[in-house]
């Protein structure tokens, strides 16, 4: 089994769960909710690698909730 598949299973990010999140009314928030709390700082670092501001991600999450 590949490492990425092992990590997806460990995080509970099964295909059906991700598909359900994408088809929901708030896909961005649903996908963000699948990320374990202790890995969210790593996501912020990942966003910075692309020259984006993590605050922009959090603003998009807030806007989608409205």
C-alpha atoms as a PDB file:
ATOM      1  CA  UNK A   1       0.000   0.000   0.000  1.00  0.00           C
ATOM      2  CA  UNK A   2       1.361   3.412  -0.897  1.00  0.00           C
ATOM      3  CA  UNK A   3       2.214   5.934   1.786  1.00  0.00           C
ATOM      4  CA  UNK A   4      -0.351   8.470   0.545  1.00  0.00           C
ATOM      5  CA  UNK A   5      -3.074   5.849   0.668  1.00  0.00           C
ATOM      6  CA  UNK A   6      -2.040   4.891   4.203  1.00  0.00           C
ATOM      7  CA  UNK A   7      -2.184   8.546   5.255  1.00  0.00           C
ATOM      8  CA  UNK A   8      -5.618   9.035   3.678  1.00  0.00           C
ATOM      9  CA  UNK A   9      -6.912   6.040   5.572  1.00  0.00           C
ATOM     10  CA  UNK A  10      -5.357   7.256   8.817  1.00  0.00           C
ATOM     11  CA  UNK A  11      -6.995  10.654   8.364  1.00  0.00           C
ATOM     12  CA  UNK A  12     -10.384   9.199   7.467  1.00  0.00           C
ATOM     13  CA  UNK A  13     -10.294  10.806   4.023  1.00  0.00           C
ATOM     14  CA  UNK A  14     -11.930   7.960   2.155  1.00  0.00           C
ATOM     15  CA  UNK A  15     -13.143   8.533  -1.383  1.00  0.00           C
ATOM     16  CA  UNK A  16     -16.801   8.482  -0.402  1.00  0.00           C
ATOM     17  CA  UNK A  17     -16.214  11.031   2.370  1.00  0.00           C
ATOM     18  CA  UNK A  18     -14.369  13.388   0.036  1.00  0.00           C
ATOM     19  CA  UNK A  19     -17.021  12.971  -2.671  1.00  0.00           C
ATOM     20  CA  UNK A  20     -19.764  13.770  -0.152  1.00  0.00           C
ATOM     21  CA  UNK A  21     -17.876  16.892   0.951  1.00  0.00           C
ATOM     22  CA  UNK A  22     -17.475  18.063  -2.651  1.00  0.00           C
ATOM     23  CA  UNK A  23     -21.187  17.605  -3.348  1.00  0.00           C
ATOM     24  CA  UNK A  24     -22.297  19.470  -0.219  1.00  0.00           C
ATOM     25  CA  UNK A  25     -23.599  23.047  -0.141  1.00  0.00           C
ATOM     26  CA  UNK A  26     -20.330  24.241   1.395  1.00  0.00           C
ATOM     27  CA  UNK A  27     -17.605  22.132  -0.235  1.00  0.00           C
ATOM     28  CA  UNK A  28     -14.653  24.239   0.932  1.00  0.00           C
ATOM     29  CA  UNK A  29     -15.721  24.083   4.577  1.00  0.00           C
ATOM     30  CA  UNK A  30     -16.598  20.399   4.302  1.00  0.00           C
ATOM     31  CA  UNK A  31     -13.171  19.534   2.899  1.00  0.00           C
ATOM     32  CA  UNK A  32     -11.433  21.721   5.488  1.00  0.00           C
ATOM     33  CA  UNK A  33     -13.328  19.881   8.234  1.00  0.00           C
ATOM     34  CA  UNK A  34     -11.781  16.598   7.038  1.00  0.00           C
ATOM     35  CA  UNK A  35      -8.289  17.884   7.838  1.00  0.00           C
ATOM     36  CA  UNK A  36      -7.266  16.880  11.360  1.00  0.00           C
ATOM     37  CA  UNK A  37      -6.819  19.806  13.739  1.00  0.00           C
ATOM     38  CA  UNK A  38      -3.133  19.058  14.254  1.00  0.00           C
ATOM     39  CA  UNK A  39      -2.440  19.199  10.476  1.00  0.00           C
ATOM     40  CA  UNK A  40      -4.045  22.578   9.765  1.00  0.00           C
ATOM     41  CA  UNK A  41      -0.834  24.508  10.472  1.00  0.00           C
ATOM     42  CA  UNK A  42       0.864  22.319   7.878  1.00  0.00           C
ATOM     43  CA  UNK A  43      -1.862  23.340   5.424  1.00  0.00           C
ATOM     44  CA  UNK A  44      -1.127  27.004   6.146  1.00  0.00           C
ATOM     45  CA  UNK A  45       2.557  26.372   5.386  1.00  0.00           C
ATOM     46  CA  UNK A  46       1.556  24.592   2.179  1.00  0.00           C
ATOM     47  CA  UNK A  47      -0.573  27.571   1.110  1.00  0.00           C
ATOM     48  CA  UNK A  48       2.392  29.893   1.733  1.00  0.00           C
ATOM     49  CA  UNK A  49       4.524  27.772  -0.648  1.00  0.00           C
ATOM     50  CA  UNK A  50       2.313  29.033  -3.469  1.00  0.00           C
ATOM     51  CA  UNK A  51       2.794  32.650  -2.427  1.00  0.00           C
ATOM     52  CA  UNK A  52      -0.701  32.912  -0.993  1.00  0.00           C
ATOM     53  CA  UNK A  53      -1.734  34.210   2.389  1.00  0.00           C
ATOM     54  CA  UNK A  54      -3.409  31.674   4.725  1.00  0.00           C
ATOM     55  CA  UNK A  55      -5.708  34.483   5.857  1.00  0.00           C
ATOM     56  CA  UNK A  56      -7.184  34.414   2.347  1.00  0.00           C
ATOM     57  CA  UNK A  57      -8.099  30.763   2.836  1.00  0.00           C
ATOM     58  CA  UNK A  58      -9.768  31.525   6.156  1.00  0.00           C
ATOM     59  CA  UNK A  59     -11.656  34.465   4.607  1.00  0.00           C
ATOM     60  CA  UNK A  60     -12.926  32.163   1.838  1.00  0.00           C
ATOM     61  CA  UNK A  61     -14.089  29.682   4.479  1.00  0.00           C
ATOM     62  CA  UNK A  62     -15.957  32.460   6.308  1.00  0.00           C
ATOM     63  CA  UNK A  63     -17.537  33.782   3.100  1.00  0.00           C
ATOM     64  CA  UNK A  64     -18.767  30.327   2.141  1.00  0.00           C
ATOM     65  CA  UNK A  65     -20.550  29.930   5.482  1.00  0.00           C
ATOM     66  CA  UNK A  66     -22.745  32.957   4.820  1.00  0.00           C
END
